């Protein structure tokens, strides 16, 4: 679970800060578009990253 959280936050920050840096001067509309894109990227990372399954015991 820890890997999913770190991966999601890292993906969000990478997309968010990368786009803010690329755009340079931005207005409120561009800020919220970048925020939405970063949120979508974070959600995709959350659902695509490794999900730990139940640990099996025995044999």
PDB file of N, CA and C in Angstrom:
ATOM      1  N   UNK A   1       0.832  -1.200   0.000  1.00  0.00           N
ATOM      2  CA  UNK A   1       0.000   0.000   0.000  1.00  0.00           C
ATOM      3  C   UNK A   1       0.870   1.255   0.000  1.00  0.00           C
ATOM      4  N   UNK A   2       2.004   1.173   0.669  1.00  0.00           N
ATOM      5  CA  UNK A   2       2.885   2.324   0.761  1.00  0.00           C
ATOM      6  C   UNK A   2       3.410   2.727  -0.621  1.00  0.00           C
ATOM      7  N   UNK A   3       3.723   1.749  -1.449  1.00  0.00           N
ATOM      8  CA  UNK A   3       4.228   2.026  -2.796  1.00  0.00           C
ATOM      9  C   UNK A   3       3.175   2.736  -3.644  1.00  0.00           C
ATOM     10  N   UNK A   4       1.923   2.365  -3.503  1.00  0.00           N
ATOM     11  CA  UNK A   4       0.849   3.013  -4.269  1.00  0.00           C
ATOM     12  C   UNK A   4       0.704   4.476  -3.874  1.00  0.00           C
ATOM     13  N   UNK A   5       0.798   4.760  -2.594  1.00  0.00           N
ATOM     14  CA  UNK A   5       0.640   6.145  -2.131  1.00  0.00           C
ATOM     15  C   UNK A   5       1.796   7.010  -2.619  1.00  0.00           C
ATOM     16  N   UNK A   6       3.005   6.515  -2.460  1.00  0.00           N
ATOM     17  CA  UNK A   6       4.186   7.281  -2.897  1.00  0.00           C
ATOM     18  C   UNK A   6       4.168   7.447  -4.419  1.00  0.00           C
ATOM     19  N   UNK A   7       3.813   6.404  -5.145  1.00  0.00           N
ATOM     20  CA  UNK A   7       3.749   6.486  -6.599  1.00  0.00           C
ATOM     21  C   UNK A   7       2.699   7.458  -7.094  1.00  0.00           C
ATOM     22  N   UNK A   8       1.560   7.460  -6.436  1.00  0.00           N
ATOM     23  CA  UNK A   8       0.481   8.373  -6.824  1.00  0.00           C
ATOM     24  C   UNK A   8       0.863   9.823  -6.555  1.00  0.00           C
ATOM     25  N   UNK A   9       1.402  10.088  -5.376  1.00  0.00           N
ATOM     26  CA  UNK A   9       1.813  11.457  -5.041  1.00  0.00           C
ATOM     27  C   UNK A   9       2.946  11.911  -5.960  1.00  0.00           C
ATOM     28  N   UNK A  10       3.882  11.018  -6.218  1.00  0.00           N
ATOM     29  CA  UNK A  10       4.986  11.352  -7.111  1.00  0.00           C
ATOM     30  C   UNK A  10       4.523  11.661  -8.521  1.00  0.00           C
ATOM     31  N   UNK A  11       3.593  10.863  -9.032  1.00  0.00           N
ATOM     32  CA  UNK A  11       3.058  11.107 -10.376  1.00  0.00           C
ATOM     33  C   UNK A  11       2.315  12.434 -10.433  1.00  0.00           C
ATOM     34  N   UNK A  12       1.490  12.697  -9.419  1.00  0.00           N
ATOM     35  CA  UNK A  12       0.752  13.956  -9.374  1.00  0.00           C
ATOM     36  C   UNK A  12       1.712  15.141  -9.382  1.00  0.00           C
ATOM     37  N   UNK A  13       2.717  15.098  -8.510  1.00  0.00           N
ATOM     38  CA  UNK A  13       3.655  16.221  -8.428  1.00  0.00           C
ATOM     39  C   UNK A  13       4.485  16.370  -9.692  1.00  0.00           C
ATOM     40  N   UNK A  14       4.891  15.250 -10.276  1.00  0.00           N
ATOM     41  CA  UNK A  14       5.671  15.309 -11.510  1.00  0.00           C
ATOM     42  C   UNK A  14       4.876  15.976 -12.629  1.00  0.00           C
ATOM     43  N   UNK A  15       3.629  15.578 -12.801  1.00  0.00           N
ATOM     44  CA  UNK A  15       2.798  16.170 -13.862  1.00  0.00           C
ATOM     45  C   UNK A  15       2.462  17.618 -13.524  1.00  0.00           C
ATOM     46  N   UNK A  16       2.054  17.877 -12.290  1.00  0.00           N
ATOM     47  CA  UNK A  16       1.635  19.219 -11.887  1.00  0.00           C
ATOM     48  C   UNK A  16       2.778  20.224 -12.001  1.00  0.00           C
ATOM     49  N   UNK A  17       3.902  19.907 -11.376  1.00  0.00           N
ATOM     50  CA  UNK A  17       5.021  20.843 -11.393  1.00  0.00           C
ATOM     51  C   UNK A  17       5.663  20.930 -12.773  1.00  0.00           C
ATOM     52  N   UNK A  18       5.675  19.818 -13.493  1.00  0.00           N
ATOM     53  CA  UNK A  18       6.228  19.841 -14.846  1.00  0.00           C
ATOM     54  C   UNK A  18       5.430  20.736 -15.775  1.00  0.00           C
ATOM     55  N   UNK A  19       4.111  20.625 -15.701  1.00  0.00           N
ATOM     56  CA  UNK A  19       3.276  21.479 -16.555  1.00  0.00           C
ATOM     57  C   UNK A  19       3.335  22.938 -16.124  1.00  0.00           C
ATOM     58  N   UNK A  20       3.386  23.197 -14.821  1.00  0.00           N
ATOM     59  CA  UNK A  20       3.525  24.587 -14.368  1.00  0.00           C
ATOM     60  C   UNK A  20       4.828  25.192 -14.867  1.00  0.00           C
ATOM     61  N   UNK A  21       5.886  24.415 -14.832  1.00  0.00           N
ATOM     62  CA  UNK A  21       7.179  24.902 -15.316  1.00  0.00           C
ATOM     63  C   UNK A  21       7.144  25.129 -16.827  1.00  0.00           C
ATOM     64  N   UNK A  22       6.499  24.228 -17.548  1.00  0.00           N
ATOM     65  CA  UNK A  22       6.452  24.322 -19.010  1.00  0.00           C
ATOM     66  C   UNK A  22       5.611  25.523 -19.456  1.00  0.00           C
ATOM     67  N   UNK A  23       4.516  25.789 -18.758  1.00  0.00           N
ATOM     68  CA  UNK A  23       3.616  26.870 -19.158  1.00  0.00           C
ATOM     69  C   UNK A  23       4.223  28.231 -18.827  1.00  0.00           C
ATOM     70  N   UNK A  24       4.895  28.336 -17.693  1.00  0.00           N
ATOM     71  CA  UNK A  24       5.469  29.626 -17.301  1.00  0.00           C
ATOM     72  C   UNK A  24       4.405  30.503 -16.673  1.00  0.00           C
ATOM     73  N   UNK A  25       4.158  31.662 -17.271  1.00  0.00           N
ATOM     74  CA  UNK A  25       3.087  32.532 -16.770  1.00  0.00           C
ATOM     75  C   UNK A  25       1.743  31.907 -17.104  1.00  0.00           C
ATOM     76  N   UNK A  26       0.885  31.818 -16.108  1.00  0.00           N
ATOM     77  CA  UNK A  26      -0.414  31.176 -16.316  1.00  0.00           C
ATOM     78  C   UNK A  26      -1.476  31.952 -15.563  1.00  0.00           C
ATOM     79  N   UNK A  27      -2.701  31.823 -16.038  1.00  0.00           N
ATOM     80  CA  UNK A  27      -3.831  32.447 -15.363  1.00  0.00           C
ATOM     81  C   UNK A  27      -4.598  31.382 -14.582  1.00  0.00           C
ATOM     82  N   UNK A  28      -5.700  31.769 -13.972  1.00  0.00           N
ATOM     83  CA  UNK A  28      -6.454  30.849 -13.116  1.00  0.00           C
ATOM     84  C   UNK A  28      -7.009  29.673 -13.913  1.00  0.00           C
ATOM     85  N   UNK A  29      -7.477  29.913 -15.119  1.00  0.00           N
ATOM     86  CA  UNK A  29      -8.044  28.834 -15.933  1.00  0.00           C
ATOM     87  C   UNK A  29      -6.981  27.789 -16.264  1.00  0.00           C
ATOM     88  N   UNK A  30      -5.810  28.222 -16.653  1.00  0.00           N
ATOM     89  CA  UNK A  30      -4.728  27.287 -16.964  1.00  0.00           C
ATOM     90  C   UNK A  30      -4.295  26.519 -15.719  1.00  0.00           C
ATOM     91  N   UNK A  31      -4.301  27.197 -14.562  1.00  0.00           N
ATOM     92  CA  UNK A  31      -3.939  26.522 -13.316  1.00  0.00           C
ATOM     93  C   UNK A  31      -4.884  25.369 -13.026  1.00  0.00           C
ATOM     94  N   UNK A  32      -6.188  25.601 -13.174  1.00  0.00           N
ATOM     95  CA  UNK A  32      -7.147  24.550 -12.868  1.00  0.00           C
ATOM     96  C   UNK A  32      -7.138  23.434 -13.911  1.00  0.00           C
ATOM     97  N   UNK A  33      -6.800  23.750 -15.153  1.00  0.00           N
ATOM     98  CA  UNK A  33      -6.646  22.708 -16.168  1.00  0.00           C
ATOM     99  C   UNK A  33      -5.451  21.832 -15.824  1.00  0.00           C
ATOM    100  N   UNK A  34      -4.347  22.453 -15.435  1.00  0.00           N
ATOM    101  CA  UNK A  34      -3.157  21.697 -15.043  1.00  0.00           C
ATOM    102  C   UNK A  34      -3.447  20.860 -13.801  1.00  0.00           C
ATOM    103  N   UNK A  35      -4.179  21.421 -12.845  1.00  0.00           N
ATOM    104  CA  UNK A  35      -4.558  20.686 -11.640  1.00  0.00           C
ATOM    105  C   UNK A  35      -5.425  19.480 -11.991  1.00  0.00           C
ATOM    106  N   UNK A  36      -6.356  19.651 -12.925  1.00  0.00           N
ATOM    107  CA  UNK A  36      -7.221  18.544 -13.344  1.00  0.00           C
ATOM    108  C   UNK A  36      -6.405  17.455 -14.052  1.00  0.00           C
ATOM    109  N   UNK A  37      -5.496  17.838 -14.934  1.00  0.00           N
ATOM    110  CA  UNK A  37      -4.659  16.855 -15.629  1.00  0.00           C
ATOM    111  C   UNK A  37      -3.781  16.079 -14.651  1.00  0.00           C
ATOM    112  N   UNK A  38      -3.227  16.775 -13.675  1.00  0.00           N
ATOM    113  CA  UNK A  38      -2.399  16.105 -12.680  1.00  0.00           C
ATOM    114  C   UNK A  38      -3.234  15.169 -11.813  1.00  0.00           C
ATOM    115  N   UNK A  39      -4.457  15.552 -11.502  1.00  0.00           N
ATOM    116  CA  UNK A  39      -5.338  14.688 -10.723  1.00  0.00           C
ATOM    117  C   UNK A  39      -5.707  13.435 -11.500  1.00  0.00           C
ATOM    118  N   UNK A  40      -5.962  13.584 -12.786  1.00  0.00           N
ATOM    119  CA  UNK A  40      -6.266  12.422 -13.627  1.00  0.00           C
ATOM    120  C   UNK A  40      -5.056  11.493 -13.690  1.00  0.00           C
ATOM    121  N   UNK A  41      -3.866  12.063 -13.844  1.00  0.00           N
ATOM    122  CA  UNK A  41      -2.654  11.238 -13.878  1.00  0.00           C
ATOM    123  C   UNK A  41      -2.442  10.517 -12.551  1.00  0.00           C
ATOM    124  N   UNK A  42      -2.730  11.184 -11.446  1.00  0.00           N
ATOM    125  CA  UNK A  42      -2.623  10.550 -10.132  1.00  0.00           C
ATOM    126  C   UNK A  42      -3.617   9.421  -9.960  1.00  0.00           C
ATOM    127  N   UNK A  43      -4.843   9.619 -10.451  1.00  0.00           N
ATOM    128  CA  UNK A  43      -5.858   8.562 -10.357  1.00  0.00           C
ATOM    129  C   UNK A  43      -5.474   7.352 -11.209  1.00  0.00           C
ATOM    130  N   UNK A  44      -4.940   7.610 -12.398  1.00  0.00           N
ATOM    131  CA  UNK A  44      -4.490   6.498 -13.246  1.00  0.00           C
ATOM    132  C   UNK A  44      -3.350   5.748 -12.562  1.00  0.00           C
ATOM    133  N   UNK A  45      -2.414   6.473 -11.968  1.00  0.00           N
ATOM    134  CA  UNK A  45      -1.304   5.823 -11.260  1.00  0.00           C
ATOM    135  C   UNK A  45      -1.806   5.004 -10.087  1.00  0.00           C
ATOM    136  N   UNK A  46      -2.803   5.508  -9.377  1.00  0.00           N
ATOM    137  CA  UNK A  46      -3.339   4.800  -8.214  1.00  0.00           C
ATOM    138  C   UNK A  46      -3.921   3.444  -8.621  1.00  0.00           C
ATOM    139  N   UNK A  47      -4.681   3.432  -9.717  1.00  0.00           N
ATOM    140  CA  UNK A  47      -5.338   2.196 -10.118  1.00  0.00           C
ATOM    141  C   UNK A  47      -4.435   1.271 -10.927  1.00  0.00           C
ATOM    142  N   UNK A  48      -3.359   1.784 -11.518  1.00  0.00           N
ATOM    143  CA  UNK A  48      -2.482   0.959 -12.327  1.00  0.00           C
ATOM    144  C   UNK A  48      -1.296   0.389 -11.552  1.00  0.00           C
ATOM    145  N   UNK A  49      -0.932   1.002 -10.438  1.00  0.00           N
ATOM    146  CA  UNK A  49       0.216   0.507  -9.681  1.00  0.00           C
ATOM    147  C   UNK A  49      -0.123  -0.804  -8.992  1.00  0.00           C
ATOM    148  N   UNK A  50       0.916  -1.523  -8.628  1.00  0.00           N
ATOM    149  CA  UNK A  50       0.790  -2.837  -8.008  1.00  0.00           C
ATOM    150  C   UNK A  50      -0.129  -2.801  -6.802  1.00  0.00           C
ATOM    151  N   UNK A  51      -1.078  -3.723  -6.791  1.00  0.00           N
ATOM    152  CA  UNK A  51      -1.979  -3.861  -5.658  1.00  0.00           C
ATOM    153  C   UNK A  51      -1.549  -5.113  -4.880  1.00  0.00           C
ATOM    154  N   UNK A  52      -1.156  -4.940  -3.641  1.00  0.00           N
ATOM    155  CA  UNK A  52      -0.736  -6.124  -2.888  1.00  0.00           C
ATOM    156  C   UNK A  52      -1.912  -7.049  -2.626  1.00  0.00           C
ATOM    157  N   UNK A  53      -1.724  -8.325  -2.921  1.00  0.00           N
ATOM    158  CA  UNK A  53      -2.764  -9.308  -2.715  1.00  0.00           C
ATOM    159  C   UNK A  53      -2.658  -9.923  -1.326  1.00  0.00           C
ATOM    160  N   UNK A  54      -3.590 -10.782  -1.018  1.00  0.00           N
ATOM    161  CA  UNK A  54      -3.543 -11.446   0.298  1.00  0.00           C
ATOM    162  C   UNK A  54      -2.336 -12.394   0.364  1.00  0.00           C
ATOM    163  N   UNK A  55      -1.703 -12.415   1.499  1.00  0.00           N
ATOM    164  CA  UNK A  55      -0.550 -13.303   1.679  1.00  0.00           C
ATOM    165  C   UNK A  55      -1.048 -14.707   2.004  1.00  0.00           C
ATOM    166  N   UNK A  56      -0.476 -15.658   1.309  1.00  0.00           N
ATOM    167  CA  UNK A  56      -0.875 -17.043   1.526  1.00  0.00           C
ATOM    168  C   UNK A  56       0.051 -17.693   2.540  1.00  0.00           C
ATOM    169  N   UNK A  57      -0.538 -18.505   3.371  1.00  0.00           N
ATOM    170  CA  UNK A  57       0.248 -19.240   4.349  1.00  0.00           C
ATOM    171  C   UNK A  57       0.144 -20.726   4.070  1.00  0.00           C
ATOM    172  N   UNK A  58       1.150 -21.443   4.500  1.00  0.00           N
ATOM    173  CA  UNK A  58       1.100 -22.892   4.354  1.00  0.00           C
ATOM    174  C   UNK A  58       2.050 -23.408   3.316  1.00  0.00           C
ATOM    175  N   UNK A  59       1.834 -24.610   2.935  1.00  0.00           N
ATOM    176  CA  UNK A  59       2.614 -25.411   1.984  1.00  0.00           C
ATOM    177  C   UNK A  59       3.971 -24.834   1.836  1.00  0.00           C
TER     178      UNK A  59
END
